[in-house]
Amino acid sequence: MYIIGGIIAFVVILLVLYRYCFVQHDQVVRTHFVCHDFPKTFGEVCIFFITDIGSRKVLSETIESINEKVDMVIIGGDLSNKRVPHSKVRDNIQTLQMLQVPLFFVWGDRDYEGDYRELDAMLLDCNVTILANSGVNFESSKGEMISLIGLDDLNHRKVNAKYAFQDAKGSFKILATHNIKSFFTLDPSEREQVQVVLSSSSHGSIDHESSQTQFLSSRSYQASRLSSLFSGSGNCYVVTMQST
C-alpha cells in the first residue's frame, strides 16, 4: 500500500514539474478574414482576442511575442469568477495593456458570479471600455466607418441589440459576444448587418450557417482543471481583417 501511494505521489510531482518547467506557454492562434465589404481605406484591422481568462495569469511573454501591429484588444467574457480576486484581474488587464491599444470587454456568465459592480468599477478605472448592448465606431482618414458591437451576457442579462445597433454607424460591423447563441437571438435584419462574430466556444459551437457572416468561436484561455494538470498553455487569438 505504501509503495502504491509513493508511486502515485511521484507521478503527480512529475506532472506538476512538467507543467511548470516545460509547458508554461500560450498558443497564439492567427486567424485572417477577407471580407468583400470591408472598407478599403482601413487597409487591415488587427484584433487581439482573448476569452475565459478566469483564474489564469496572462503571460507577459505572450504579449511581448506578438509582432503584428494590434489595433485593439477584445476580452470576450469570463474575465473573472467568484473565486478570482479583483487584484489578479487588474494584473491581467495591466498585462494586456502592454499592447498599448484600447481594451474592450463584453460580459460572460462567470463575470456575474462575484461582485460584478466592483468588477465594473475596476474595469472603468483601468480605462477598459465595457460593451453591454452598446457599440463604438472607428473612422478612417477617408471617412469610412467600422463598428464594434458588444452584447451583454445571455444567461444573466437581457440581450438588447436595439441600442447596440443604434450606436453602430459603420457599414462594416464586428459583433463581440461571450455566448454565440446571442447572435442567433437577433432579428434576421440585425444578423444581416454583421460581417464578423467573435465569441467563446464555452457555450457551444456554431450550428447555423450564414451566407455573409464569418465566425471565430475561440477556445478558452483557461484550460479545464483536468487538462491544466497536464498543460500550462492557453489559447488566444490575433485576428486580422481586410478587404478582398
C-alpha atoms as a PDB file:
ATOM      1  CA  MET A   1       0.000   0.000   0.000  1.00  0.00           C
ATOM      2  CA  TYR A   2       2.811   2.400   0.924  1.00  0.00           C
ATOM      3  CA  ILE A   3       4.599   1.542  -2.325  1.00  0.00           C
ATOM      4  CA  ILE A   4       1.492   2.300  -4.419  1.00  0.00           C
ATOM      5  CA  GLY A   5       0.957   5.595  -2.574  1.00  0.00           C
ATOM      6  CA  GLY A   6       4.564   6.542  -3.123  1.00  0.00           C
ATOM      7  CA  ILE A   7       4.327   5.787  -6.847  1.00  0.00           C
ATOM      8  CA  ILE A   8       1.169   7.906  -7.187  1.00  0.00           C
ATOM      9  CA  ALA A   9       2.783  10.814  -5.317  1.00  0.00           C
ATOM     10  CA  PHE A  10       5.896  10.553  -7.506  1.00  0.00           C
ATOM     11  CA  VAL A  11       3.799  10.635 -10.707  1.00  0.00           C
ATOM     12  CA  VAL A  12       1.838  13.682  -9.506  1.00  0.00           C
ATOM     13  CA  ILE A  13       5.089  15.507  -8.690  1.00  0.00           C
ATOM     14  CA  LEU A  14       6.448  14.717 -12.148  1.00  0.00           C
ATOM     15  CA  LEU A  15       3.280  16.042 -13.779  1.00  0.00           C
ATOM     16  CA  VAL A  16       3.445  19.281 -11.812  1.00  0.00           C
ATOM     17  CA  LEU A  17       7.142  19.749 -12.628  1.00  0.00           C
ATOM     18  CA  TYR A  18       6.446  19.011 -16.302  1.00  0.00           C
ATOM     19  CA  ARG A  19       3.710  21.633 -16.415  1.00  0.00           C
ATOM     20  CA  TYR A  20       5.628  24.428 -14.751  1.00  0.00           C
ATOM     21  CA  CYS A  21       9.027  23.733 -16.241  1.00  0.00           C
ATOM     22  CA  PHE A  22       8.206  22.768 -19.816  1.00  0.00           C
ATOM     23  CA  VAL A  23       4.713  23.778 -20.924  1.00  0.00           C
ATOM     24  CA  GLN A  24       4.044  27.118 -19.245  1.00  0.00           C
ATOM     25  CA  HIS A  25       3.291  28.865 -22.519  1.00  0.00           C
ATOM     26  CA  ASP A  26       0.413  30.014 -24.675  1.00  0.00           C
ATOM     27  CA  GLN A  27      -0.742  29.154 -28.154  1.00  0.00           C
ATOM     28  CA  VAL A  28      -1.341  32.306 -30.188  1.00  0.00           C
ATOM     29  CA  VAL A  29      -3.712  31.370 -32.996  1.00  0.00           C
ATOM     30  CA  ARG A  30      -3.728  33.615 -36.039  1.00  0.00           C
ATOM     31  CA  THR A  31      -6.983  33.977 -37.954  1.00  0.00           C
ATOM     32  CA  HIS A  32      -7.442  36.033 -41.122  1.00  0.00           C
ATOM     33  CA  PHE A  33     -10.780  37.217 -42.502  1.00  0.00           C
ATOM     34  CA  VAL A  34     -11.067  38.500 -46.062  1.00  0.00           C
ATOM     35  CA  CYS A  35     -14.346  40.381 -46.475  1.00  0.00           C
ATOM     36  CA  HIS A  36     -15.608  41.859 -49.726  1.00  0.00           C
ATOM     37  CA  ASP A  37     -17.412  44.693 -47.895  1.00  0.00           C
ATOM     38  CA  PHE A  38     -14.549  45.616 -45.573  1.00  0.00           C
ATOM     39  CA  PRO A  39     -13.760  49.360 -46.014  1.00  0.00           C
ATOM     40  CA  LYS A  40     -10.640  49.510 -48.152  1.00  0.00           C
ATOM     41  CA  THR A  41      -9.358  52.758 -46.609  1.00  0.00           C
ATOM     42  CA  PHE A  42      -8.683  50.929 -43.320  1.00  0.00           C
ATOM     43  CA  GLY A  43      -6.185  48.679 -45.057  1.00  0.00           C
ATOM     44  CA  GLU A  44      -6.098  45.969 -42.399  1.00  0.00           C
ATOM     45  CA  VAL A  45      -7.507  45.827 -38.848  1.00  0.00           C
ATOM     46  CA  CYS A  46      -5.810  43.616 -36.261  1.00  0.00           C
ATOM     47  CA  ILE A  47      -7.527  42.483 -33.041  1.00  0.00           C
ATOM     48  CA  PHE A  48      -6.077  40.584 -30.097  1.00  0.00           C
ATOM     49  CA  PHE A  49      -8.964  38.420 -28.852  1.00  0.00           C
ATOM     50  CA  ILE A  50      -8.900  36.527 -25.566  1.00  0.00           C
ATOM     51  CA  THR A  51     -11.712  34.916 -23.611  1.00  0.00           C
ATOM     52  CA  ASP A  52     -12.325  32.847 -20.465  1.00  0.00           C
ATOM     53  CA  ILE A  53      -9.216  34.052 -18.607  1.00  0.00           C
ATOM     54  CA  GLY A  54     -10.669  33.186 -15.187  1.00  0.00           C
ATOM     55  CA  SER A  55      -8.043  32.324 -12.590  1.00  0.00           C
ATOM     56  CA  ARG A  56      -5.211  32.056 -15.090  1.00  0.00           C
ATOM     57  CA  LYS A  57      -2.398  34.607 -15.275  1.00  0.00           C
ATOM     58  CA  VAL A  58      -1.959  36.290 -18.650  1.00  0.00           C
ATOM     59  CA  LEU A  59       1.662  35.769 -19.584  1.00  0.00           C
ATOM     60  CA  SER A  60       3.659  38.903 -20.414  1.00  0.00           C
ATOM     61  CA  GLU A  61       5.886  36.729 -22.609  1.00  0.00           C
ATOM     62  CA  THR A  62       2.863  36.015 -24.806  1.00  0.00           C
ATOM     63  CA  ILE A  63       2.068  39.697 -25.220  1.00  0.00           C
ATOM     64  CA  GLU A  64       5.717  40.508 -25.982  1.00  0.00           C
ATOM     65  CA  SER A  65       5.810  37.786 -28.644  1.00  0.00           C
ATOM     66  CA  ILE A  66       3.119  39.423 -30.788  1.00  0.00           C
ATOM     67  CA  ASN A  67       4.797  41.099 -33.750  1.00  0.00           C
ATOM     68  CA  GLU A  68       1.648  42.316 -35.508  1.00  0.00           C
ATOM     69  CA  LYS A  69       0.520  45.921 -35.147  1.00  0.00           C
ATOM     70  CA  VAL A  70      -2.551  45.321 -32.997  1.00  0.00           C
ATOM     71  CA  ASP A  71      -5.320  47.939 -33.162  1.00  0.00           C
ATOM     72  CA  MET A  72      -7.409  46.810 -30.183  1.00  0.00           C
ATOM     73  CA  VAL A  73      -7.863  44.130 -27.536  1.00  0.00           C
ATOM     74  CA  ILE A  74     -11.250  42.466 -27.038  1.00  0.00           C
ATOM     75  CA  ILE A  75     -11.874  40.405 -23.891  1.00  0.00           C
ATOM     76  CA  GLY A  76     -14.704  38.046 -24.748  1.00  0.00           C
ATOM     77  CA  GLY A  77     -16.129  37.465 -21.266  1.00  0.00           C
ATOM     78  CA  ASP A  78     -15.386  35.297 -18.223  1.00  0.00           C
ATOM     79  CA  LEU A  79     -12.513  37.559 -17.297  1.00  0.00           C
ATOM     80  CA  SER A  80     -13.271  36.721 -13.675  1.00  0.00           C
ATOM     81  CA  ASN A  81     -15.364  34.493 -11.417  1.00  0.00           C
ATOM     82  CA  LYS A  82     -16.326  34.387  -7.758  1.00  0.00           C
ATOM     83  CA  ARG A  83     -13.003  32.794  -6.733  1.00  0.00           C
ATOM     84  CA  VAL A  84     -10.721  35.273  -8.516  1.00  0.00           C
ATOM     85  CA  PRO A  85      -9.650  38.370  -6.540  1.00  0.00           C
ATOM     86  CA  HIS A  86     -10.025  41.614  -8.433  1.00  0.00           C
ATOM     87  CA  SER A  87      -6.367  42.372  -7.763  1.00  0.00           C
ATOM     88  CA  LYS A  88      -5.493  39.457 -10.043  1.00  0.00           C
ATOM     89  CA  VAL A  89      -7.945  40.690 -12.661  1.00  0.00           C
ATOM     90  CA  ARG A  90      -6.287  44.107 -12.524  1.00  0.00           C
ATOM     91  CA  ASP A  91      -2.872  42.494 -13.016  1.00  0.00           C
ATOM     92  CA  ASN A  92      -4.153  40.676 -16.111  1.00  0.00           C
ATOM     93  CA  ILE A  93      -5.603  43.901 -17.503  1.00  0.00           C
ATOM     94  CA  GLN A  94      -2.280  45.656 -16.998  1.00  0.00           C
ATOM     95  CA  THR A  95      -0.508  42.839 -18.845  1.00  0.00           C
ATOM     96  CA  LEU A  96      -2.900  43.193 -21.795  1.00  0.00           C
ATOM     97  CA  GLN A  97      -2.301  46.948 -21.734  1.00  0.00           C
ATOM     98  CA  MET A  98       1.304  46.250 -22.687  1.00  0.00           C
ATOM     99  CA  LEU A  99      -0.013  46.262 -26.261  1.00  0.00           C
ATOM    100  CA  GLN A 100      -0.761  49.976 -25.777  1.00  0.00           C
ATOM    101  CA  VAL A 101      -4.095  49.898 -27.605  1.00  0.00           C
ATOM    102  CA  PRO A 102      -7.716  50.347 -26.458  1.00  0.00           C
ATOM    103  CA  LEU A 103      -9.246  47.477 -24.469  1.00  0.00           C
ATOM    104  CA  PHE A 104     -12.865  46.394 -24.856  1.00  0.00           C
ATOM    105  CA  PHE A 105     -14.794  43.954 -22.678  1.00  0.00           C
ATOM    106  CA  VAL A 106     -18.057  42.016 -23.005  1.00  0.00           C
ATOM    107  CA  TRP A 107     -19.665  40.257 -20.050  1.00  0.00           C
ATOM    108  CA  GLY A 108     -19.657  36.477 -19.605  1.00  0.00           C
ATOM    109  CA  ASP A 109     -21.777  34.413 -17.228  1.00  0.00           C
ATOM    110  CA  ARG A 110     -18.897  33.824 -14.799  1.00  0.00           C
ATOM    111  CA  ASP A 111     -18.256  37.574 -14.508  1.00  0.00           C
ATOM    112  CA  TYR A 112     -21.635  37.902 -12.785  1.00  0.00           C
ATOM    113  CA  GLU A 113     -20.820  35.250 -10.140  1.00  0.00           C
ATOM    114  CA  GLY A 114     -18.932  37.641  -7.877  1.00  0.00           C
ATOM    115  CA  ASP A 115     -19.329  41.332  -7.116  1.00  0.00           C
ATOM    116  CA  TYR A 116     -19.912  42.425 -10.689  1.00  0.00           C
ATOM    117  CA  ARG A 117     -20.476  46.039  -9.680  1.00  0.00           C
ATOM    118  CA  GLU A 118     -16.983  46.148  -8.194  1.00  0.00           C
ATOM    119  CA  LEU A 119     -15.635  44.485 -11.338  1.00  0.00           C
ATOM    120  CA  ASP A 120     -17.426  47.095 -13.440  1.00  0.00           C
ATOM    121  CA  ALA A 121     -15.865  49.931 -11.428  1.00  0.00           C
ATOM    122  CA  MET A 122     -12.410  48.363 -11.604  1.00  0.00           C
ATOM    123  CA  LEU A 123     -12.584  47.970 -15.381  1.00  0.00           C
ATOM    124  CA  LEU A 124     -13.627  51.587 -15.793  1.00  0.00           C
ATOM    125  CA  ASP A 125     -10.767  52.651 -13.524  1.00  0.00           C
ATOM    126  CA  CYS A 126      -8.397  50.719 -15.819  1.00  0.00           C
ATOM    127  CA  ASN A 127      -9.787  52.555 -18.881  1.00  0.00           C
ATOM    128  CA  VAL A 128     -11.417  49.415 -20.265  1.00  0.00           C
ATOM    129  CA  THR A 129     -14.477  50.122 -22.401  1.00  0.00           C
ATOM    130  CA  ILE A 130     -17.383  47.863 -21.420  1.00  0.00           C
ATOM    131  CA  LEU A 131     -19.683  46.938 -24.293  1.00  0.00           C
ATOM    132  CA  ALA A 132     -23.017  45.769 -22.888  1.00  0.00           C
ATOM    133  CA  ASN A 133     -25.659  46.122 -25.601  1.00  0.00           C
ATOM    134  CA  SER A 134     -23.670  49.026 -26.984  1.00  0.00           C
ATOM    135  CA  GLY A 135     -21.306  49.858 -29.807  1.00  0.00           C
ATOM    136  CA  VAL A 136     -18.355  52.025 -30.766  1.00  0.00           C
ATOM    137  CA  ASN A 137     -17.299  53.379 -34.149  1.00  0.00           C
ATOM    138  CA  PHE A 138     -13.911  53.752 -35.826  1.00  0.00           C
ATOM    139  CA  GLU A 139     -13.419  56.141 -38.733  1.00  0.00           C
ATOM    140  CA  SER A 140     -10.714  56.014 -41.379  1.00  0.00           C
ATOM    141  CA  SER A 141      -8.918  59.055 -42.741  1.00  0.00           C
ATOM    142  CA  LYS A 142     -11.326  58.960 -45.704  1.00  0.00           C
ATOM    143  CA  GLY A 143     -14.459  58.920 -43.565  1.00  0.00           C
ATOM    144  CA  GLU A 144     -15.339  55.222 -43.856  1.00  0.00           C
ATOM    145  CA  MET A 145     -16.519  53.585 -40.633  1.00  0.00           C
ATOM    146  CA  ILE A 146     -16.246  50.235 -38.846  1.00  0.00           C
ATOM    147  CA  SER A 147     -18.426  49.453 -35.818  1.00  0.00           C
ATOM    148  CA  LEU A 148     -17.728  47.137 -32.886  1.00  0.00           C
ATOM    149  CA  ILE A 149     -20.859  45.885 -31.124  1.00  0.00           C
ATOM    150  CA  GLY A 150     -20.856  44.125 -27.748  1.00  0.00           C
ATOM    151  CA  LEU A 151     -23.787  42.169 -26.295  1.00  0.00           C
ATOM    152  CA  ASP A 152     -24.474  41.553 -22.622  1.00  0.00           C
ATOM    153  CA  ASP A 153     -24.452  38.017 -21.192  1.00  0.00           C
ATOM    154  CA  LEU A 154     -27.342  35.915 -22.439  1.00  0.00           C
ATOM    155  CA  ASN A 155     -27.786  33.988 -19.168  1.00  0.00           C
ATOM    156  CA  HIS A 156     -27.747  36.837 -16.646  1.00  0.00           C
ATOM    157  CA  ARG A 157     -28.857  39.920 -18.528  1.00  0.00           C
ATOM    158  CA  LYS A 158     -31.136  40.710 -21.404  1.00  0.00           C
ATOM    159  CA  VAL A 159     -29.541  40.902 -24.804  1.00  0.00           C
ATOM    160  CA  ASN A 160     -30.930  44.118 -26.238  1.00  0.00           C
ATOM    161  CA  ALA A 161     -29.390  44.681 -29.610  1.00  0.00           C
ATOM    162  CA  LYS A 162     -31.625  47.627 -30.427  1.00  0.00           C
ATOM    163  CA  TYR A 163     -29.435  50.095 -28.548  1.00  0.00           C
ATOM    164  CA  ALA A 164     -26.226  48.478 -29.789  1.00  0.00           C
ATOM    165  CA  PHE A 165     -27.242  48.836 -33.432  1.00  0.00           C
ATOM    166  CA  GLN A 166     -28.352  52.405 -32.823  1.00  0.00           C
ATOM    167  CA  ASP A 167     -24.785  53.180 -31.712  1.00  0.00           C
ATOM    168  CA  ALA A 168     -23.233  51.362 -34.666  1.00  0.00           C
ATOM    169  CA  LYS A 169     -22.901  53.721 -37.629  1.00  0.00           C
ATOM    170  CA  GLY A 170     -20.353  51.759 -39.667  1.00  0.00           C
ATOM    171  CA  SER A 171     -21.107  49.885 -42.866  1.00  0.00           C
ATOM    172  CA  PHE A 172     -18.913  47.017 -41.569  1.00  0.00           C
ATOM    173  CA  LYS A 173     -19.912  45.582 -38.181  1.00  0.00           C
ATOM    174  CA  ILE A 174     -17.985  43.303 -35.826  1.00  0.00           C
ATOM    175  CA  LEU A 175     -20.012  41.626 -33.069  1.00  0.00           C
ATOM    176  CA  ALA A 176     -18.364  40.506 -29.814  1.00  0.00           C
ATOM    177  CA  THR A 177     -20.348  38.240 -27.513  1.00  0.00           C
ATOM    178  CA  HIS A 178     -19.431  35.653 -24.915  1.00  0.00           C
ATOM    179  CA  ASN A 179     -22.218  33.282 -25.866  1.00  0.00           C
ATOM    180  CA  ILE A 180     -22.525  32.546 -29.584  1.00  0.00           C
ATOM    181  CA  LYS A 181     -26.222  31.807 -29.077  1.00  0.00           C
ATOM    182  CA  SER A 182     -26.753  35.535 -28.526  1.00  0.00           C
ATOM    183  CA  PHE A 183     -26.134  36.172 -32.203  1.00  0.00           C
ATOM    184  CA  PHE A 184     -28.950  33.854 -33.188  1.00  0.00           C
ATOM    185  CA  THR A 185     -31.423  35.631 -30.882  1.00  0.00           C
ATOM    186  CA  LEU A 186     -31.090  38.746 -33.052  1.00  0.00           C
ATOM    187  CA  ASP A 187     -33.665  39.613 -35.647  1.00  0.00           C
ATOM    188  CA  PRO A 188     -32.725  38.445 -39.146  1.00  0.00           C
ATOM    189  CA  SER A 189     -32.409  42.079 -40.233  1.00  0.00           C
ATOM    190  CA  GLU A 190     -29.853  42.656 -37.457  1.00  0.00           C
ATOM    191  CA  ARG A 191     -27.883  39.494 -38.218  1.00  0.00           C
ATOM    192  CA  GLU A 192     -27.606  40.534 -41.848  1.00  0.00           C
ATOM    193  CA  GLN A 193     -25.768  43.683 -40.786  1.00  0.00           C
ATOM    194  CA  VAL A 194     -22.975  41.749 -39.006  1.00  0.00           C
ATOM    195  CA  GLN A 195     -19.950  40.685 -41.034  1.00  0.00           C
ATOM    196  CA  VAL A 196     -17.781  39.091 -38.300  1.00  0.00           C
ATOM    197  CA  VAL A 197     -18.700  37.494 -34.944  1.00  0.00           C
ATOM    198  CA  LEU A 198     -16.099  36.918 -32.203  1.00  0.00           C
ATOM    199  CA  SER A 199     -17.211  34.656 -29.358  1.00  0.00           C
ATOM    200  CA  SER A 200     -16.179  31.993 -26.868  1.00  0.00           C
ATOM    201  CA  SER A 201     -16.704  28.318 -27.621  1.00  0.00           C
ATOM    202  CA  SER A 202     -17.517  27.568 -23.958  1.00  0.00           C
ATOM    203  CA  HIS A 203     -21.275  27.710 -24.623  1.00  0.00           C
ATOM    204  CA  GLY A 204     -21.443  25.519 -27.676  1.00  0.00           C
ATOM    205  CA  SER A 205     -20.403  25.576 -31.293  1.00  0.00           C
ATOM    206  CA  ILE A 206     -21.990  27.234 -34.301  1.00  0.00           C
ATOM    207  CA  ASP A 207     -24.853  25.117 -35.628  1.00  0.00           C
ATOM    208  CA  HIS A 208     -26.206  27.658 -38.111  1.00  0.00           C
ATOM    209  CA  GLU A 209     -24.953  28.805 -41.470  1.00  0.00           C
ATOM    210  CA  SER A 210     -24.769  32.360 -42.710  1.00  0.00           C
ATOM    211  CA  SER A 211     -24.069  33.461 -46.237  1.00  0.00           C
ATOM    212  CA  GLN A 212     -22.283  36.660 -45.275  1.00  0.00           C
ATOM    213  CA  THR A 213     -21.189  36.398 -41.628  1.00  0.00           C
ATOM    214  CA  GLN A 214     -17.846  34.901 -40.636  1.00  0.00           C
ATOM    215  CA  PHE A 215     -17.288  33.442 -37.175  1.00  0.00           C
ATOM    216  CA  LEU A 216     -14.467  32.936 -34.709  1.00  0.00           C
ATOM    217  CA  SER A 217     -15.510  30.696 -31.824  1.00  0.00           C
ATOM    218  CA  SER A 218     -12.427  30.788 -29.625  1.00  0.00           C
ATOM    219  CA  ARG A 219     -11.135  28.177 -27.239  1.00  0.00           C
ATOM    220  CA  SER A 220     -10.724  29.123 -23.590  1.00  0.00           C
ATOM    221  CA  TYR A 221      -7.553  30.813 -22.358  1.00  0.00           C
ATOM    222  CA  GLN A 222      -8.008  28.991 -19.060  1.00  0.00           C
ATOM    223  CA  ALA A 223      -7.906  25.236 -19.531  1.00  0.00           C
ATOM    224  CA  SER A 224     -10.187  22.896 -17.627  1.00  0.00           C
ATOM    225  CA  ARG A 225      -8.950  21.598 -14.277  1.00  0.00           C
ATOM    226  CA  LEU A 226      -8.161  18.192 -15.728  1.00  0.00           C
ATOM    227  CA  SER A 227      -6.310  19.479 -18.788  1.00  0.00           C
ATOM    228  CA  SER A 228      -4.498  22.123 -16.744  1.00  0.00           C
ATOM    229  CA  LEU A 229      -2.867  19.311 -14.774  1.00  0.00           C
ATOM    230  CA  PHE A 230      -1.033  18.268 -17.934  1.00  0.00           C
ATOM    231  CA  SER A 231      -0.647  21.603 -19.694  1.00  0.00           C
ATOM    232  CA  GLY A 232       0.007  25.172 -18.665  1.00  0.00           C
ATOM    233  CA  SER A 233      -0.862  26.538 -22.081  1.00  0.00           C
ATOM    234  CA  GLY A 234      -3.778  28.750 -23.038  1.00  0.00           C
ATOM    235  CA  ASN A 235      -5.316  29.888 -26.307  1.00  0.00           C
ATOM    236  CA  CYS A 236      -5.546  33.466 -27.512  1.00  0.00           C
ATOM    237  CA  TYR A 237      -6.037  34.937 -30.963  1.00  0.00           C
ATOM    238  CA  VAL A 238      -4.635  37.506 -33.339  1.00  0.00           C
ATOM    239  CA  VAL A 239      -7.465  38.282 -35.748  1.00  0.00           C
ATOM    240  CA  THR A 240      -6.834  40.310 -38.908  1.00  0.00           C
ATOM    241  CA  MET A 241      -9.443  41.613 -41.332  1.00  0.00           C
ATOM    242  CA  GLN A 242      -9.070  43.164 -44.752  1.00  0.00           C
ATOM    243  CA  SER A 243     -10.914  43.706 -47.996  1.00  0.00           C
ATOM    244  CA  THR A 244     -10.755  41.367 -50.963  1.00  0.00           C
END
